[in-house]
PDB file of N, CA and C in Angstrom:
ATOM      1  N   UNK A   1     -25.281 -10.046  73.524  1.00  0.00           N
ATOM      2  CA  UNK A   1     -24.886  -9.312  72.338  1.00  0.00           C
ATOM      3  C   UNK A   1     -23.733  -8.396  72.718  1.00  0.00           C
ATOM      4  N   UNK A   2     -22.692  -8.468  71.914  1.00  0.00           N
ATOM      5  CA  UNK A   2     -21.532  -7.639  72.201  1.00  0.00           C
ATOM      6  C   UNK A   2     -21.745  -6.236  71.641  1.00  0.00           C
ATOM      7  N   UNK A   3     -20.917  -5.342  72.081  1.00  0.00           N
ATOM      8  CA  UNK A   3     -20.989  -3.968  71.615  1.00  0.00           C
ATOM      9  C   UNK A   3     -20.718  -3.894  70.119  1.00  0.00           C
ATOM     10  N   UNK A   4     -19.755  -4.704  69.656  1.00  0.00           N
ATOM     11  CA  UNK A   4     -19.414  -4.670  68.226  1.00  0.00           C
ATOM     12  C   UNK A   4     -20.548  -5.218  67.363  1.00  0.00           C
ATOM     13  N   UNK A   5     -21.240  -6.217  67.855  1.00  0.00           N
ATOM     14  CA  UNK A   5     -22.372  -6.763  67.111  1.00  0.00           C
ATOM     15  C   UNK A   5     -23.465  -5.715  66.990  1.00  0.00           C
ATOM     16  N   UNK A   6     -23.722  -5.012  68.071  1.00  0.00           N
ATOM     17  CA  UNK A   6     -24.735  -3.959  68.050  1.00  0.00           C
ATOM     18  C   UNK A   6     -24.327  -2.837  67.084  1.00  0.00           C
ATOM     19  N   UNK A   7     -23.050  -2.463  67.097  1.00  0.00           N
ATOM     20  CA  UNK A   7     -22.566  -1.430  66.176  1.00  0.00           C
ATOM     21  C   UNK A   7     -22.701  -1.881  64.721  1.00  0.00           C
ATOM     22  N   UNK A   8     -22.408  -3.154  64.460  1.00  0.00           N
ATOM     23  CA  UNK A   8     -22.567  -3.672  63.099  1.00  0.00           C
ATOM     24  C   UNK A   8     -24.024  -3.625  62.662  1.00  0.00           C
ATOM     25  N   UNK A   9     -24.946  -3.918  63.556  1.00  0.00           N
ATOM     26  CA  UNK A   9     -26.368  -3.856  63.236  1.00  0.00           C
ATOM     27  C   UNK A   9     -26.794  -2.423  62.932  1.00  0.00           C
ATOM     28  N   UNK A  10     -26.279  -1.481  63.704  1.00  0.00           N
ATOM     29  CA  UNK A  10     -26.605  -0.069  63.479  1.00  0.00           C
ATOM     30  C   UNK A  10     -26.052   0.387  62.131  1.00  0.00           C
ATOM     31  N   UNK A  11     -24.806  -0.002  61.819  1.00  0.00           N
ATOM     32  CA  UNK A  11     -24.217   0.364  60.522  1.00  0.00           C
ATOM     33  C   UNK A  11     -25.026  -0.218  59.369  1.00  0.00           C
ATOM     34  N   UNK A  12     -25.418  -1.486  59.514  1.00  0.00           N
ATOM     35  CA  UNK A  12     -26.199  -2.124  58.456  1.00  0.00           C
ATOM     36  C   UNK A  12     -27.542  -1.431  58.284  1.00  0.00           C
ATOM     37  N   UNK A  13     -28.120  -0.966  59.374  1.00  0.00           N
ATOM     38  CA  UNK A  13     -29.404  -0.271  59.294  1.00  0.00           C
ATOM     39  C   UNK A  13     -29.250   1.104  58.630  1.00  0.00           C
ATOM     40  N   UNK A  14     -28.179   1.809  58.957  1.00  0.00           N
ATOM     41  CA  UNK A  14     -27.970   3.155  58.435  1.00  0.00           C
ATOM     42  C   UNK A  14     -27.427   3.146  57.007  1.00  0.00           C
ATOM     43  N   UNK A  15     -26.721   2.113  56.623  1.00  0.00           N
ATOM     44  CA  UNK A  15     -26.155   2.000  55.274  1.00  0.00           C
ATOM     45  C   UNK A  15     -26.603   0.683  54.646  1.00  0.00           C
ATOM     46  N   UNK A  16     -27.841   0.630  54.213  1.00  0.00           N
ATOM     47  CA  UNK A  16     -28.319  -0.632  53.620  1.00  0.00           C
ATOM     48  C   UNK A  16     -27.597  -0.942  52.320  1.00  0.00           C
ATOM     49  N   UNK A  17     -27.510  -2.224  52.016  1.00  0.00           N
ATOM     50  CA  UNK A  17     -26.895  -2.670  50.772  1.00  0.00           C
ATOM     51  C   UNK A  17     -27.721  -2.166  49.599  1.00  0.00           C
ATOM     52  N   UNK A  18     -27.068  -1.685  48.555  1.00  0.00           N
ATOM     53  CA  UNK A  18     -27.840  -1.253  47.376  1.00  0.00           C
ATOM     54  C   UNK A  18     -28.554  -2.452  46.753  1.00  0.00           C
ATOM     55  N   UNK A  19     -29.800  -2.250  46.411  1.00  0.00           N
ATOM     56  CA  UNK A  19     -30.585  -3.322  45.816  1.00  0.00           C
ATOM     57  C   UNK A  19     -30.528  -3.222  44.313  1.00  0.00           C
ATOM     58  N   UNK A  20     -30.915  -4.286  43.650  1.00  0.00           N
ATOM     59  CA  UNK A  20     -30.930  -4.306  42.193  1.00  0.00           C
ATOM     60  C   UNK A  20     -31.897  -3.242  41.688  1.00  0.00           C
ATOM     61  N   UNK A  21     -31.575  -2.590  40.581  1.00  0.00           N
ATOM     62  CA  UNK A  21     -32.484  -1.562  40.053  1.00  0.00           C
ATOM     63  C   UNK A  21     -33.826  -2.164  39.663  1.00  0.00           C
ATOM     64  N   UNK A  22     -34.850  -1.409  39.927  1.00  0.00           N
ATOM     65  CA  UNK A  22     -36.201  -1.844  39.608  1.00  0.00           C
ATOM     66  C   UNK A  22     -36.491  -1.466  38.170  1.00  0.00           C
ATOM     67  N   UNK A  23     -36.958  -2.427  37.379  1.00  0.00           N
ATOM     68  CA  UNK A  23     -37.281  -2.113  35.994  1.00  0.00           C
ATOM     69  C   UNK A  23     -38.628  -1.400  35.936  1.00  0.00           C
ATOM     70  N   UNK A  24     -38.701  -0.434  35.067  1.00  0.00           N
ATOM     71  CA  UNK A  24     -39.927   0.325  34.894  1.00  0.00           C
ATOM     72  C   UNK A  24     -40.760  -0.355  33.824  1.00  0.00           C
ATOM     73  N   UNK A  25     -42.002  -0.609  34.141  1.00  0.00           N
ATOM     74  CA  UNK A  25     -42.868  -1.284  33.178  1.00  0.00           C
ATOM     75  C   UNK A  25     -44.074  -0.411  32.869  1.00  0.00           C
ATOM     76  N   UNK A  26     -44.609  -0.586  31.711  1.00  0.00           N
ATOM     77  CA  UNK A  26     -45.815   0.126  31.331  1.00  0.00           C
ATOM     78  C   UNK A  26     -47.012  -0.567  31.950  1.00  0.00           C
ATOM     79  N   UNK A  27     -48.173   0.000  31.782  1.00  0.00           N
ATOM     80  CA  UNK A  27     -49.376  -0.612  32.323  1.00  0.00           C
ATOM     81  C   UNK A  27     -49.634  -1.974  31.695  1.00  0.00           C
ATOM     82  N   UNK A  28     -49.213  -2.160  30.453  1.00  0.00           N
ATOM     83  CA  UNK A  28     -49.429  -3.424  29.765  1.00  0.00           C
ATOM     84  C   UNK A  28     -48.390  -4.464  30.155  1.00  0.00           C
ATOM     85  N   UNK A  29     -47.408  -4.107  30.943  1.00  0.00           N
ATOM     86  CA  UNK A  29     -46.412  -5.061  31.396  1.00  0.00           C
ATOM     87  C   UNK A  29     -45.138  -5.091  30.580  1.00  0.00           C
ATOM     88  N   UNK A  30     -45.034  -4.269  29.546  1.00  0.00           N
ATOM     89  CA  UNK A  30     -43.830  -4.248  28.723  1.00  0.00           C
ATOM     90  C   UNK A  30     -42.758  -3.356  29.315  1.00  0.00           C
ATOM     91  N   UNK A  31     -41.530  -3.589  28.915  1.00  0.00           N
ATOM     92  CA  UNK A  31     -40.410  -2.781  29.390  1.00  0.00           C
ATOM     93  C   UNK A  31     -40.337  -1.486  28.596  1.00  0.00           C
ATOM     94  N   UNK A  32     -40.097  -0.388  29.285  1.00  0.00           N
ATOM     95  CA  UNK A  32     -39.966   0.909  28.614  1.00  0.00           C
ATOM     96  C   UNK A  32     -38.566   1.042  28.029  1.00  0.00           C
ATOM     97  N   UNK A  33     -38.491   1.634  26.844  1.00  0.00           N
ATOM     98  CA  UNK A  33     -37.210   1.930  26.206  1.00  0.00           C
ATOM     99  C   UNK A  33     -37.266   3.336  25.637  1.00  0.00           C
ATOM    100  N   UNK A  34     -36.113   3.877  25.390  1.00  0.00           N
ATOM    101  CA  UNK A  34     -36.026   5.215  24.794  1.00  0.00           C
ATOM    102  C   UNK A  34     -35.467   5.061  23.397  1.00  0.00           C
ATOM    103  N   UNK A  35     -36.229   5.452  22.400  1.00  0.00           N
ATOM    104  CA  UNK A  35     -35.785   5.374  21.014  1.00  0.00           C
ATOM    105  C   UNK A  35     -35.696   6.787  20.449  1.00  0.00           C
ATOM    106  N   UNK A  36     -34.691   7.005  19.642  1.00  0.00           N
ATOM    107  CA  UNK A  36     -34.560   8.290  18.949  1.00  0.00           C
ATOM    108  C   UNK A  36     -35.310   8.175  17.631  1.00  0.00           C
ATOM    109  N   UNK A  37     -36.415   8.891  17.533  1.00  0.00           N
ATOM    110  CA  UNK A  37     -37.223   8.873  16.326  1.00  0.00           C
ATOM    111  C   UNK A  37     -36.953  10.140  15.533  1.00  0.00           C
ATOM    112  N   UNK A  38     -36.732   9.964  14.257  1.00  0.00           N
ATOM    113  CA  UNK A  38     -36.528  11.109  13.383  1.00  0.00           C
ATOM    114  C   UNK A  38     -37.834  11.347  12.633  1.00  0.00           C
ATOM    115  N   UNK A  39     -38.609  12.323  13.110  1.00  0.00           N
ATOM    116  CA  UNK A  39     -39.882  12.630  12.471  1.00  0.00           C
ATOM    117  C   UNK A  39     -39.908  14.103  12.109  1.00  0.00           C
ATOM    118  N   UNK A  40     -40.794  14.438  11.185  1.00  0.00           N
ATOM    119  CA  UNK A  40     -40.930  15.834  10.792  1.00  0.00           C
ATOM    120  C   UNK A  40     -41.383  16.682  11.972  1.00  0.00           C
ATOM    121  N   UNK A  41     -40.949  17.902  12.001  1.00  0.00           N
ATOM    122  CA  UNK A  41     -41.322  18.817  13.081  1.00  0.00           C
ATOM    123  C   UNK A  41     -42.834  18.984  13.152  1.00  0.00           C
ATOM    124  N   UNK A  42     -43.487  19.036  11.994  1.00  0.00           N
ATOM    125  CA  UNK A  42     -44.943  19.190  11.980  1.00  0.00           C
ATOM    126  C   UNK A  42     -45.631  17.956  12.582  1.00  0.00           C
ATOM    127  N   UNK A  43     -45.073  16.771  12.333  1.00  0.00           N
ATOM    128  CA  UNK A  43     -45.638  15.555  12.924  1.00  0.00           C
ATOM    129  C   UNK A  43     -45.429  15.529  14.435  1.00  0.00           C
ATOM    130  N   UNK A  44     -44.285  16.025  14.883  1.00  0.00           N
ATOM    131  CA  UNK A  44     -44.024  16.092  16.319  1.00  0.00           C
ATOM    132  C   UNK A  44     -45.012  17.044  17.000  1.00  0.00           C
ATOM    133  N   UNK A  45     -45.313  18.154  16.340  1.00  0.00           N
ATOM    134  CA  UNK A  45     -46.283  19.105  16.881  1.00  0.00           C
ATOM    135  C   UNK A  45     -47.686  18.483  16.927  1.00  0.00           C
ATOM    136  N   UNK A  46     -48.046  17.746  15.855  1.00  0.00           N
ATOM    137  CA  UNK A  46     -49.350  17.071  15.830  1.00  0.00           C
ATOM    138  C   UNK A  46     -49.437  16.024  16.936  1.00  0.00           C
ATOM    139  N   UNK A  47     -48.365  15.269  17.138  1.00  0.00           N
ATOM    140  CA  UNK A  47     -48.328  14.259  18.190  1.00  0.00           C
ATOM    141  C   UNK A  47     -48.557  14.898  19.553  1.00  0.00           C
ATOM    142  N   UNK A  48     -47.865  15.984  19.797  1.00  0.00           N
ATOM    143  CA  UNK A  48     -48.018  16.698  21.061  1.00  0.00           C
ATOM    144  C   UNK A  48     -49.437  17.246  21.220  1.00  0.00           C
ATOM    145  N   UNK A  49     -49.973  17.816  20.151  1.00  0.00           N
ATOM    146  CA  UNK A  49     -51.315  18.405  20.191  1.00  0.00           C
ATOM    147  C   UNK A  49     -52.370  17.329  20.477  1.00  0.00           C
ATOM    148  N   UNK A  50     -52.297  16.184  19.760  1.00  0.00           N
ATOM    149  CA  UNK A  50     -53.271  15.122  19.968  1.00  0.00           C
ATOM    150  C   UNK A  50     -53.174  14.544  21.384  1.00  0.00           C
ATOM    151  N   UNK A  51     -51.964  14.392  21.884  1.00  0.00           N
ATOM    152  CA  UNK A  51     -51.773  13.857  23.230  1.00  0.00           C
ATOM    153  C   UNK A  51     -52.378  14.789  24.278  1.00  0.00           C
ATOM    154  N   UNK A  52     -52.153  16.084  24.117  1.00  0.00           N
ATOM    155  CA  UNK A  52     -52.737  17.055  25.048  1.00  0.00           C
ATOM    156  C   UNK A  52     -54.254  17.074  24.938  1.00  0.00           C
ATOM    157  N   UNK A  53     -54.752  17.041  23.717  1.00  0.00           N
ATOM    158  CA  UNK A  53     -56.190  17.079  23.494  1.00  0.00           C
ATOM    159  C   UNK A  53     -56.897  15.890  24.150  1.00  0.00           C
ATOM    160  N   UNK A  54     -56.304  14.701  24.007  1.00  0.00           N
ATOM    161  CA  UNK A  54     -56.931  13.497  24.524  1.00  0.00           C
ATOM    162  C   UNK A  54     -56.514  13.177  25.959  1.00  0.00           C
ATOM    163  N   UNK A  55     -55.584  13.941  26.512  1.00  0.00           N
ATOM    164  CA  UNK A  55     -55.168  13.745  27.898  1.00  0.00           C
ATOM    165  C   UNK A  55     -54.399  12.455  28.125  1.00  0.00           C
ATOM    166  N   UNK A  56     -53.603  12.053  27.136  1.00  0.00           N
ATOM    167  CA  UNK A  56     -52.774  10.857  27.281  1.00  0.00           C
ATOM    168  C   UNK A  56     -51.329  11.204  26.955  1.00  0.00           C
ATOM    169  N   UNK A  57     -50.438  10.301  27.281  1.00  0.00           N
ATOM    170  CA  UNK A  57     -49.029  10.551  26.986  1.00  0.00           C
ATOM    171  C   UNK A  57     -48.774  10.324  25.498  1.00  0.00           C
ATOM    172  N   UNK A  58     -47.695  10.912  25.017  1.00  0.00           N
ATOM    173  CA  UNK A  58     -47.321  10.723  23.622  1.00  0.00           C
ATOM    174  C   UNK A  58     -46.980   9.253  23.360  1.00  0.00           C
ATOM    175  N   UNK A  59     -46.421   8.572  24.349  1.00  0.00           N
ATOM    176  CA  UNK A  59     -46.094   7.152  24.191  1.00  0.00           C
ATOM    177  C   UNK A  59     -47.353   6.322  23.997  1.00  0.00           C
ATOM    178  N   UNK A  60     -48.393   6.601  24.772  1.00  0.00           N
ATOM    179  CA  UNK A  60     -49.650   5.862  24.618  1.00  0.00           C
ATOM    180  C   UNK A  60     -50.305   6.180  23.279  1.00  0.00           C
ATOM    181  N   UNK A  61     -50.180   7.420  22.848  1.00  0.00           N
ATOM    182  CA  UNK A  61     -50.735   7.799  21.556  1.00  0.00           C
ATOM    183  C   UNK A  61     -50.016   7.064  20.428  1.00  0.00           C
ATOM    184  N   UNK A  62     -48.697   6.988  20.495  1.00  0.00           N
ATOM    185  CA  UNK A  62     -47.942   6.246  19.484  1.00  0.00           C
ATOM    186  C   UNK A  62     -48.312   4.771  19.498  1.00  0.00           C
ATOM    187  N   UNK A  63     -48.495   4.214  20.685  1.00  0.00           N
ATOM    188  CA  UNK A  63     -48.886   2.817  20.804  1.00  0.00           C
ATOM    189  C   UNK A  63     -50.252   2.576  20.164  1.00  0.00           C
ATOM    190  N   UNK A  64     -51.192   3.479  20.412  1.00  0.00           N
ATOM    191  CA  UNK A  64     -52.526   3.354  19.813  1.00  0.00           C
ATOM    192  C   UNK A  64     -52.449   3.493  18.297  1.00  0.00           C
ATOM    193  N   UNK A  65     -51.598   4.390  17.815  1.00  0.00           N
ATOM    194  CA  UNK A  65     -51.440   4.566  16.376  1.00  0.00           C
ATOM    195  C   UNK A  65     -50.853   3.303  15.739  1.00  0.00           C
ATOM    196  N   UNK A  66     -49.891   2.689  16.404  1.00  0.00           N
ATOM    197  CA  UNK A  66     -49.316   1.445  15.888  1.00  0.00           C
ATOM    198  C   UNK A  66     -50.351   0.322  15.869  1.00  0.00           C
ATOM    199  N   UNK A  67     -51.173   0.250  16.912  1.00  0.00           N
ATOM    200  CA  UNK A  67     -52.237  -0.758  16.959  1.00  0.00           C
ATOM    201  C   UNK A  67     -53.229  -0.549  15.820  1.00  0.00           C
ATOM    202  N   UNK A  68     -53.603   0.703  15.583  1.00  0.00           N
ATOM    203  CA  UNK A  68     -54.552   1.006  14.502  1.00  0.00           C
ATOM    204  C   UNK A  68     -53.946   0.673  13.143  1.00  0.00           C
ATOM    205  N   UNK A  69     -52.687   0.986  12.964  1.00  0.00           N
ATOM    206  CA  UNK A  69     -52.001   0.685  11.708  1.00  0.00           C
ATOM    207  C   UNK A  69     -51.935  -0.828  11.493  1.00  0.00           C
ATOM    208  N   UNK A  70     -51.595  -1.550  12.557  1.00  0.00           N
ATOM    209  CA  UNK A  70     -51.477  -3.003  12.468  1.00  0.00           C
ATOM    210  C   UNK A  70     -52.826  -3.650  12.138  1.00  0.00           C
ATOM    211  N   UNK A  71     -53.893  -3.182  12.773  1.00  0.00           N
ATOM    212  CA  UNK A  71     -55.209  -3.770  12.513  1.00  0.00           C
ATOM    213  C   UNK A  71     -55.711  -3.430  11.114  1.00  0.00           C
ATOM    214  N   UNK A  72     -55.316  -2.298  10.566  1.00  0.00           N
ATOM    215  CA  UNK A  72     -55.752  -1.933   9.215  1.00  0.00           C
ATOM    216  C   UNK A  72     -55.041  -2.758   8.156  1.00  0.00           C
ATOM    217  N   UNK A  73     -53.855  -3.264   8.455  1.00  0.00           N
ATOM    218  CA  UNK A  73     -53.069  -4.035   7.493  1.00  0.00           C
ATOM    219  C   UNK A  73     -53.395  -5.530   7.549  1.00  0.00           C
ATOM    220  N   UNK A  74     -54.040  -5.981   8.618  1.00  0.00           N
ATOM    221  CA  UNK A  74     -54.341  -7.405   8.775  1.00  0.00           C
ATOM    222  C   UNK A  74     -55.440  -7.830   7.812  1.00  0.00           C
ATOM    223  N   UNK A  75     -56.501  -7.057   7.717  1.00  0.00           N
ATOM    224  CA  UNK A  75     -57.671  -7.442   6.904  1.00  0.00           C
ATOM    225  C   UNK A  75     -57.499  -7.092   5.512  1.00  0.00           C
TER     226      UNK A  75
END
């Protein structure tokens, strides 16, 4: 092994190639997105209050609310 080969190995070790960004997924396997929702301030406060009360994130609470709404409209 030449000195230059060893130096190249050290450089590659110290400066690794940037890898592709890792996508963030929810527990259900879906991709996370950020949406701007225009809701009443009182509804935003209720959302925050319910999420804190139940110890879940606001995103999970919204997901559960959508599931409940969807199941109520099916039957």
